Amino acid sequence: YDEKKLEELRSKAPWTSDPTYFKSVAVSPSAIMKMMMHCHSGVEKGLKKGGNPIEVMGLLLGRPDPSSPKTLVVTDVFPLPVEGFETRVIADDEDVVNHMIALGESMERTRREKFMGWYHSHPFDVGIHSHCFLSQTDLTTQLQWQRAEDPHGNPFLAIVIDPLRSLAKNVPEIKAFRAYPPEYNSPVPNQCPDGSIVTSEQARLELWGSCWNRYHELGVEYYMSGSARNVMGILTQNFLWMRTLGSTPMLDSENRQRYPERVAAAAEKLGKIDLGTSTTTTSSTTTTTSSLGSGGRMGTTSQQSRGRAYDYNVNRLLTSSTAGAGTSGTGDKGASKEKELGNACQGVVELATEKLHGNIVQVAKQQLFS
């Protein structure tokens, strides 16, 4: 980056006159990895002690982007020995503060970068919505940082991470925020931090907390340097393709836990279907067949049973409801039974197909990697 342009941008400090000046944040892959590992360590530490996951905190190293002035760049992060619970995590220990000051001065001398923000985790139970928001304590902390740093050319940023949701989704659940000054009010009524308009007070509280109108969200994007791209390219060619081929969705813990429930649900559906007799009318004759064979091929009872046992035609079963609806002498009741049977059979076929696919993948993996 151009150091001269950066110094000019810092001296002008346009963010001091526009509370919504910054629109996005570019984060390096190494910073993301360090934050996620730190947040996950807090989760593990709390659970090992037999309690709730622990909130953790760290500092962000970076700068405004002189080539794109409304973007902040996070190049690295530094975890702090600070822990908390629920919505309260602050660095108020004297030793921690002295450590932050010494570390910041060292970074300015050696890397010519400043601490330009802080991050912390919200390791709450996984729910419908993300837990990335600013609590009252978070907002107070962020305002203090902005008042101290913004006027001196160092716009301060807050990042919140939801580690449990990140684990559940297998992608980083991360959001970036800046606080509004106390004298500023959004000109748009009911505007949430992400710019959306939500009229329900309960919905706003669930999504953004009680301070939903006192801060705004910045878009998060990721960037890589040339050397990082080369490393990722090598990893992709040599390792990631093996992970892709070697993964088996059916063997994932979540799928293994849900599979018996799905089998039981399919069996329950089949058990509720009354396989009684229904009268089927053709263009020339009227014959009585079982509901299972109302849309099937003609033949003796033994021939039909053998056909079902050895030549199970999925499409015939799934389309039997359509054929039965047009020819059934019992009307809508018979058609409804046929449809229920078709849906139940479809669920069974899907379960069997998934299991078969998982077994085939396992055999292929053995042949490829053994």
Protein backbone atom coordinates (compact mmCIF):
# COMPACT_ATOMS: atom_id res chain seq x y z
CA TYR A 1 0.00 0.00 0.00
CA ASP A 2 1.01 3.62 -0.47
CA GLU A 3 2.22 4.92 2.91
CA LYS A 4 1.94 8.53 1.80
CA LYS A 5 -1.72 8.14 0.80
CA LEU A 6 -2.40 6.32 4.05
CA GLU A 7 -0.94 9.18 6.10
CA GLU A 8 -3.03 11.68 4.13
CA LEU A 9 -6.14 9.63 4.82
CA ARG A 10 -5.32 9.41 8.53
CA SER A 11 -4.75 13.17 8.76
CA LYS A 12 -8.07 13.99 7.06
CA ALA A 13 -10.02 11.43 9.16
CA PRO A 14 -13.28 11.69 7.17
CA TRP A 15 -14.89 9.07 9.44
CA THR A 16 -15.08 11.61 12.27
CA SER A 17 -17.72 13.62 10.39
CA ASP A 18 -19.62 10.65 8.90
CA PRO A 19 -20.66 7.92 11.39
CA THR A 20 -21.43 5.51 8.52
CA TYR A 21 -18.30 6.28 6.49
CA PHE A 22 -16.90 2.74 6.45
CA LYS A 23 -18.83 0.14 4.48
CA SER A 24 -16.68 -3.01 4.47
CA VAL A 25 -13.82 -4.88 6.14
CA ALA A 26 -11.20 -7.02 4.37
CA VAL A 27 -9.78 -9.75 6.62
CA SER A 28 -6.72 -11.90 5.91
CA PRO A 29 -7.02 -15.72 6.09
CA SER A 30 -4.41 -15.91 8.86
CA ALA A 31 -6.41 -13.45 10.98
CA ILE A 32 -9.58 -15.50 10.49
CA MET A 33 -7.81 -18.72 11.46
CA LYS A 34 -6.30 -17.19 14.61
CA MET A 35 -9.62 -15.72 15.73
CA MET A 36 -11.51 -18.98 15.14
CA MET A 37 -8.88 -21.06 16.97
CA HIS A 38 -8.90 -18.64 19.92
CA CYS A 39 -12.70 -18.64 20.13
CA HIS A 40 -12.88 -22.44 19.91
CA SER A 41 -10.30 -22.74 22.69
CA GLY A 42 -12.63 -20.70 24.92
CA VAL A 43 -15.47 -23.09 24.15
CA GLU A 44 -13.36 -26.15 24.97
CA LYS A 45 -11.94 -24.60 28.13
CA GLY A 46 -15.38 -23.79 29.52
CA LEU A 47 -16.81 -27.22 28.72
CA LYS A 48 -13.82 -29.03 30.24
CA LYS A 49 -14.47 -27.17 33.49
CA GLY A 50 -18.05 -28.42 33.42
CA GLY A 51 -19.56 -25.00 32.78
CA ASN A 52 -20.59 -22.85 29.86
CA PRO A 53 -18.28 -21.87 26.99
CA ILE A 54 -16.02 -18.94 27.83
CA GLU A 55 -15.96 -15.67 25.92
CA VAL A 56 -12.53 -14.57 24.73
CA MET A 57 -11.08 -11.31 23.44
CA GLY A 58 -8.23 -10.12 21.24
CA LEU A 59 -6.90 -7.16 19.26
CA LEU A 60 -6.98 -6.49 15.51
CA LEU A 61 -3.96 -5.22 13.62
CA GLY A 62 -4.51 -3.29 10.39
CA ARG A 63 -5.27 0.02 8.76
CA PRO A 64 -7.69 1.91 6.51
CA ASP A 65 -7.26 1.01 2.85
CA PRO A 66 -5.87 4.06 0.98
CA SER A 67 -6.89 2.60 -2.39
CA SER A 68 -10.45 2.04 -1.15
CA PRO A 69 -10.93 4.59 1.65
CA LYS A 70 -14.26 3.20 2.88
CA THR A 71 -12.70 -0.21 3.58
CA LEU A 72 -10.79 -1.28 6.68
CA VAL A 73 -8.09 -3.95 6.37
CA VAL A 74 -7.37 -6.50 9.12
CA THR A 75 -3.95 -8.09 8.56
CA ASP A 76 -3.40 -9.93 11.85
CA VAL A 77 -4.84 -10.53 15.32
CA PHE A 78 -3.40 -10.96 18.81
CA PRO A 79 -5.32 -12.93 21.48
CA LEU A 80 -5.47 -11.40 24.95
CA PRO A 81 -5.56 -13.21 28.31
CA VAL A 82 -9.09 -11.95 28.89
CA GLU A 83 -12.12 -14.15 29.58
CA GLY A 84 -15.75 -13.51 30.36
CA PHE A 85 -19.25 -14.96 30.41
CA GLU A 86 -22.54 -14.20 28.66
CA THR A 87 -22.40 -10.66 27.20
CA ARG A 88 -19.57 -9.27 29.32
CA VAL A 89 -15.92 -9.46 28.33
CA ILE A 90 -13.66 -6.45 28.92
CA ALA A 91 -9.94 -5.83 29.30
CA ASP A 92 -9.86 -3.98 32.63
CA ASP A 93 -6.88 -5.73 34.24
CA GLU A 94 -3.88 -3.42 34.71
CA ASP A 95 -1.38 -6.02 33.50
CA VAL A 96 -3.46 -6.66 30.39
CA VAL A 97 -3.66 -2.93 29.63
CA ASN A 98 0.11 -2.55 30.01
CA HIS A 99 0.61 -5.57 27.75
CA MET A 100 -1.66 -4.00 25.11
CA ILE A 101 0.24 -0.70 25.22
CA ALA A 102 3.67 -2.34 24.94
CA LEU A 103 2.51 -4.65 22.15
CA GLY A 104 0.96 -1.76 20.24
CA GLU A 105 4.13 0.33 20.42
CA SER A 106 6.18 -2.64 19.23
CA MET A 107 3.87 -3.22 16.25
CA GLU A 108 4.12 0.41 15.19
CA ARG A 109 7.93 0.28 15.24
CA THR A 110 8.42 -3.08 13.55
CA ARG A 111 5.43 -3.47 11.20
CA ARG A 112 4.30 0.14 10.85
CA GLU A 113 0.76 -0.89 11.66
CA LYS A 114 -1.52 -0.10 14.56
CA PHE A 115 -4.08 -1.91 16.61
CA MET A 116 -7.23 -0.78 14.87
CA GLY A 117 -9.90 -2.88 16.54
CA TRP A 118 -10.85 -5.70 18.86
CA TYR A 119 -12.68 -8.99 18.57
CA HIS A 120 -14.53 -11.18 21.01
CA SER A 121 -16.74 -14.26 20.93
CA HIS A 122 -20.40 -14.90 21.72
CA PRO A 123 -20.42 -18.68 22.36
CA PHE A 124 -24.13 -18.98 23.04
CA ASP A 125 -26.35 -21.95 22.18
CA VAL A 126 -26.92 -22.48 18.47
CA GLY A 127 -30.27 -21.00 17.50
CA ILE A 128 -32.18 -19.79 14.48
CA HIS A 129 -30.27 -16.51 14.34
CA SER A 130 -26.61 -15.63 14.66
CA HIS A 131 -25.34 -14.31 17.99
CA CYS A 132 -23.09 -11.73 16.33
CA PHE A 133 -24.27 -8.44 17.86
CA LEU A 134 -23.07 -5.80 20.32
CA SER A 135 -24.37 -5.99 23.87
CA GLN A 136 -24.58 -2.93 26.11
CA THR A 137 -21.13 -3.68 27.54
CA ASP A 138 -19.71 -4.25 24.04
CA LEU A 139 -21.17 -0.97 22.81
CA THR A 140 -19.70 0.96 25.75
CA THR A 141 -16.27 -0.57 25.12
CA GLN A 142 -16.44 0.19 21.40
CA LEU A 143 -17.47 3.82 22.00
CA GLN A 144 -14.54 4.32 24.37
CA TRP A 145 -12.12 3.00 21.76
CA GLN A 146 -13.60 5.13 18.97
CA ARG A 147 -13.45 8.30 21.06
CA ALA A 148 -9.80 7.63 21.88
CA GLU A 149 -8.58 6.48 18.45
CA ASP A 150 -10.82 7.89 15.69
CA PRO A 151 -9.72 11.55 16.01
CA HIS A 152 -6.06 10.49 15.74
CA GLY A 153 -6.42 8.83 12.35
CA ASN A 154 -7.02 5.30 13.63
CA PRO A 155 -10.66 4.27 13.07
CA PHE A 156 -11.51 1.49 15.52
CA LEU A 157 -13.45 -1.65 14.63
CA ALA A 158 -15.35 -4.32 16.57
CA ILE A 159 -15.63 -7.92 15.35
CA VAL A 160 -17.94 -10.48 16.97
CA ILE A 161 -17.64 -14.23 16.34
CA ASP A 162 -20.19 -16.96 17.02
CA PRO A 163 -17.95 -20.05 17.43
CA LEU A 164 -20.68 -22.63 18.06
CA ARG A 165 -22.67 -21.59 15.00
CA SER A 166 -19.42 -21.57 13.00
CA LEU A 167 -18.83 -25.20 13.99
CA ALA A 168 -22.41 -26.15 13.13
CA LYS A 169 -22.27 -24.49 9.68
CA ASN A 170 -18.61 -25.28 8.92
CA VAL A 171 -18.06 -21.65 7.91
CA PRO A 172 -16.90 -18.68 10.01
CA GLU A 173 -19.86 -16.85 11.54
CA ILE A 174 -18.35 -13.39 11.90
CA LYS A 175 -19.64 -9.82 11.75
CA ALA A 176 -17.97 -6.41 12.00
CA PHE A 177 -19.45 -3.27 13.60
CA ARG A 178 -18.81 0.36 14.42
CA ALA A 179 -20.78 2.35 16.98
CA TYR A 180 -22.76 5.52 16.37
CA PRO A 181 -21.78 8.59 18.40
CA PRO A 182 -24.28 9.30 21.21
CA GLU A 183 -25.57 12.40 19.40
CA TYR A 184 -26.29 10.53 16.16
CA ASN A 185 -29.65 8.99 15.28
CA SER A 186 -30.37 7.03 12.13
CA PRO A 187 -32.56 9.04 9.73
CA VAL A 188 -34.48 5.87 8.81
CA PRO A 189 -36.98 4.63 11.43
CA ASN A 190 -36.64 1.00 12.57
CA GLN A 191 -33.37 0.57 10.66
CA CYS A 192 -31.26 -2.31 11.98
CA PRO A 193 -27.45 -2.45 11.92
CA ASP A 194 -27.43 -4.32 8.60
CA GLY A 195 -29.61 -1.66 6.95
CA SER A 196 -32.80 -3.72 6.96
CA ILE A 197 -36.10 -2.30 8.19
CA VAL A 198 -37.66 -4.42 10.94
CA THR A 199 -40.86 -3.13 12.52
CA SER A 200 -41.20 -5.86 15.16
CA GLU A 201 -39.47 -4.90 18.40
CA GLN A 202 -39.16 -8.55 19.44
CA ALA A 203 -37.50 -9.45 16.14
CA ARG A 204 -35.03 -6.58 16.47
CA LEU A 205 -34.05 -7.66 19.98
CA GLU A 206 -33.55 -11.28 18.91
CA LEU A 207 -31.35 -10.30 15.98
CA TRP A 208 -29.35 -7.35 17.29
CA GLY A 209 -29.81 -7.04 21.06
CA SER A 210 -31.15 -4.12 23.08
CA CYS A 211 -28.73 -1.62 21.45
CA TRP A 212 -29.85 -2.41 17.90
CA ASN A 213 -30.12 1.29 16.92
CA ARG A 214 -26.73 2.40 18.30
CA TYR A 215 -24.33 0.70 15.87
CA HIS A 216 -24.07 -0.39 12.24
CA GLU A 217 -22.66 -3.42 10.45
CA LEU A 218 -19.85 -3.48 7.90
CA GLY A 219 -19.65 -6.11 5.19
CA VAL A 220 -16.93 -8.72 5.75
CA GLU A 221 -14.79 -9.99 2.88
CA TYR A 222 -11.56 -11.94 2.71
CA TYR A 223 -8.37 -11.25 0.81
CA MET A 224 -5.13 -13.10 0.14
CA SER A 225 -1.67 -11.92 -0.77
CA GLY A 226 0.23 -13.42 -3.69
CA SER A 227 2.22 -15.78 -1.47
CA ALA A 228 -0.95 -16.89 0.34
CA ARG A 229 -2.61 -17.69 -3.00
CA ASN A 230 0.38 -19.83 -3.99
CA VAL A 231 0.25 -21.75 -0.72
CA MET A 232 -3.50 -22.31 -1.03
CA GLY A 233 -3.03 -23.44 -4.63
CA ILE A 234 -0.48 -26.06 -3.57
CA LEU A 235 -2.71 -27.25 -0.73
CA THR A 236 -5.68 -27.47 -3.07
CA GLN A 237 -3.79 -29.54 -5.62
CA ASN A 238 -2.12 -31.92 -3.20
CA PHE A 239 -4.45 -32.30 -0.24
CA LEU A 240 -7.90 -30.77 -0.57
CA TRP A 241 -8.92 -32.99 -3.49
CA MET A 242 -8.24 -36.03 -1.29
CA ARG A 243 -10.42 -34.59 1.46
CA THR A 244 -13.20 -33.93 -1.04
CA LEU A 245 -13.07 -37.46 -2.45
CA GLY A 246 -12.59 -38.95 0.99
CA SER A 247 -15.58 -37.27 2.64
CA THR A 248 -18.77 -39.29 3.09
CA PRO A 249 -21.83 -37.26 4.12
CA MET A 250 -23.62 -40.39 5.36
CA LEU A 251 -20.82 -40.94 7.91
CA ASP A 252 -21.05 -37.44 9.38
CA SER A 253 -22.06 -37.51 13.02
CA GLU A 254 -25.21 -35.45 12.40
CA ASN A 255 -26.39 -37.72 9.57
CA ARG A 256 -25.62 -40.87 11.56
CA GLN A 257 -27.69 -39.59 14.46
CA ARG A 258 -30.62 -38.60 12.25
CA TYR A 259 -30.70 -41.75 10.10
CA PRO A 260 -32.49 -44.01 12.66
CA GLU A 261 -35.05 -41.26 13.23
CA ARG A 262 -35.70 -41.03 9.48
CA VAL A 263 -36.08 -44.81 9.21
CA ALA A 264 -38.53 -44.83 12.12
CA ALA A 265 -40.51 -41.99 10.53
CA ALA A 266 -40.72 -43.85 7.21
CA ALA A 267 -41.83 -47.05 8.98
CA GLU A 268 -44.48 -45.11 10.87
CA LYS A 269 -45.85 -43.68 7.62
CA LEU A 270 -46.04 -47.15 6.09
CA GLY A 271 -47.71 -48.53 9.20
CA LYS A 272 -50.50 -45.94 9.03
CA ILE A 273 -51.47 -46.83 5.44
CA ASP A 274 -54.48 -49.15 5.13
CA LEU A 275 -53.65 -51.62 2.34
CA GLY A 276 -57.28 -52.59 1.87
CA THR A 277 -58.90 -53.49 -1.44
CA SER A 278 -60.10 -50.96 -3.95
CA THR A 279 -62.17 -51.47 -7.10
CA THR A 280 -60.39 -50.47 -10.32
CA THR A 281 -62.48 -49.80 -13.44
CA THR A 282 -61.01 -50.14 -16.93
CA SER A 283 -62.56 -49.26 -20.26
CA SER A 284 -63.90 -52.80 -20.78
CA THR A 285 -64.05 -54.59 -17.44
CA THR A 286 -64.08 -53.98 -13.70
CA THR A 287 -61.60 -55.96 -11.62
CA THR A 288 -60.75 -56.01 -7.93
CA THR A 289 -57.05 -55.68 -7.06
CA SER A 290 -55.04 -54.64 -4.06
CA SER A 291 -54.20 -50.97 -3.60
CA LEU A 292 -50.56 -51.80 -4.17
CA GLY A 293 -51.27 -53.12 -7.64
CA SER A 294 -53.95 -50.68 -8.83
CA GLY A 295 -51.51 -48.92 -11.13
CA GLY A 296 -49.38 -51.98 -11.90
CA ARG A 297 -49.22 -54.44 -14.73
CA MET A 298 -51.91 -57.09 -15.36
CA GLY A 299 -51.27 -60.72 -14.46
CA THR A 300 -51.94 -63.40 -11.91
CA THR A 301 -51.47 -62.77 -8.22
CA SER A 302 -48.33 -64.88 -8.11
CA GLN A 303 -46.91 -63.14 -11.17
CA GLN A 304 -47.54 -59.71 -9.65
CA SER A 305 -45.94 -60.67 -6.34
CA ARG A 306 -42.90 -62.06 -8.12
CA GLY A 307 -42.70 -58.88 -10.17
CA ARG A 308 -42.71 -56.76 -7.03
CA ALA A 309 -40.11 -58.90 -5.35
CA TYR A 310 -37.67 -59.15 -8.23
CA ASP A 311 -38.50 -56.25 -10.51
CA TYR A 312 -39.32 -53.39 -8.14
CA ASN A 313 -40.17 -50.42 -10.34
CA VAL A 314 -39.93 -47.15 -8.39
CA ASN A 315 -41.54 -45.06 -11.11
CA ARG A 316 -44.53 -47.43 -11.26
CA LEU A 317 -45.18 -47.02 -7.55
CA LEU A 318 -44.69 -43.26 -7.58
CA THR A 319 -47.02 -42.80 -10.56
CA SER A 320 -49.63 -45.27 -9.37
CA SER A 321 -51.49 -42.48 -7.60
CA THR A 322 -51.94 -40.66 -10.92
CA ALA A 323 -53.25 -43.76 -12.67
CA GLY A 324 -55.48 -44.70 -9.79
CA ALA A 325 -56.96 -41.20 -9.53
CA GLY A 326 -58.39 -41.47 -13.04
CA THR A 327 -59.69 -45.05 -12.88
CA SER A 328 -60.52 -45.77 -9.27
CA GLY A 329 -64.11 -46.64 -8.62
CA THR A 330 -63.88 -45.59 -4.99
CA GLY A 331 -63.13 -41.97 -5.90
CA ASP A 332 -60.99 -39.58 -3.86
CA LYS A 333 -60.52 -41.99 -0.96
CA GLY A 334 -58.73 -44.56 -3.08
CA ALA A 335 -56.64 -41.90 -4.77
CA SER A 336 -55.63 -40.50 -1.38
CA LYS A 337 -54.47 -43.95 -0.23
CA GLU A 338 -52.49 -44.40 -3.42
CA LYS A 339 -50.82 -41.00 -2.92
CA GLU A 340 -49.93 -41.78 0.71
CA LEU A 341 -48.40 -45.08 -0.36
CA GLY A 342 -46.43 -43.40 -3.13
CA ASN A 343 -45.02 -40.77 -0.74
CA ALA A 344 -44.11 -43.38 1.86
CA CYS A 345 -42.38 -45.54 -0.75
CA GLN A 346 -40.49 -42.52 -2.03
CA GLY A 347 -39.13 -41.86 1.46
CA VAL A 348 -38.00 -45.48 1.81
CA VAL A 349 -36.30 -45.38 -1.59
CA GLU A 350 -34.45 -42.17 -0.66
CA LEU A 351 -33.14 -43.74 2.55
CA ALA A 352 -32.03 -46.88 0.73
CA THR A 353 -30.36 -44.83 -2.01
CA GLU A 354 -28.41 -42.74 0.50
CA LYS A 355 -27.22 -45.86 2.31
CA LEU A 356 -26.22 -47.54 -0.95
CA HIS A 357 -24.39 -44.41 -2.10
CA GLY A 358 -22.48 -44.25 1.18
CA ASN A 359 -21.40 -47.88 0.82
CA ILE A 360 -20.28 -47.32 -2.77
CA VAL A 361 -18.23 -44.30 -1.71
CA GLN A 362 -16.56 -46.33 1.03
CA VAL A 363 -15.58 -49.04 -1.46
CA ALA A 364 -14.26 -46.41 -3.88
CA LYS A 365 -12.20 -44.79 -1.09
CA GLN A 366 -10.70 -48.14 -0.18
CA GLN A 367 -9.68 -48.76 -3.79
CA LEU A 368 -8.27 -45.23 -4.22
CA PHE A 369 -6.40 -44.67 -0.97
CA SER A 370 -5.53 -48.13 0.35
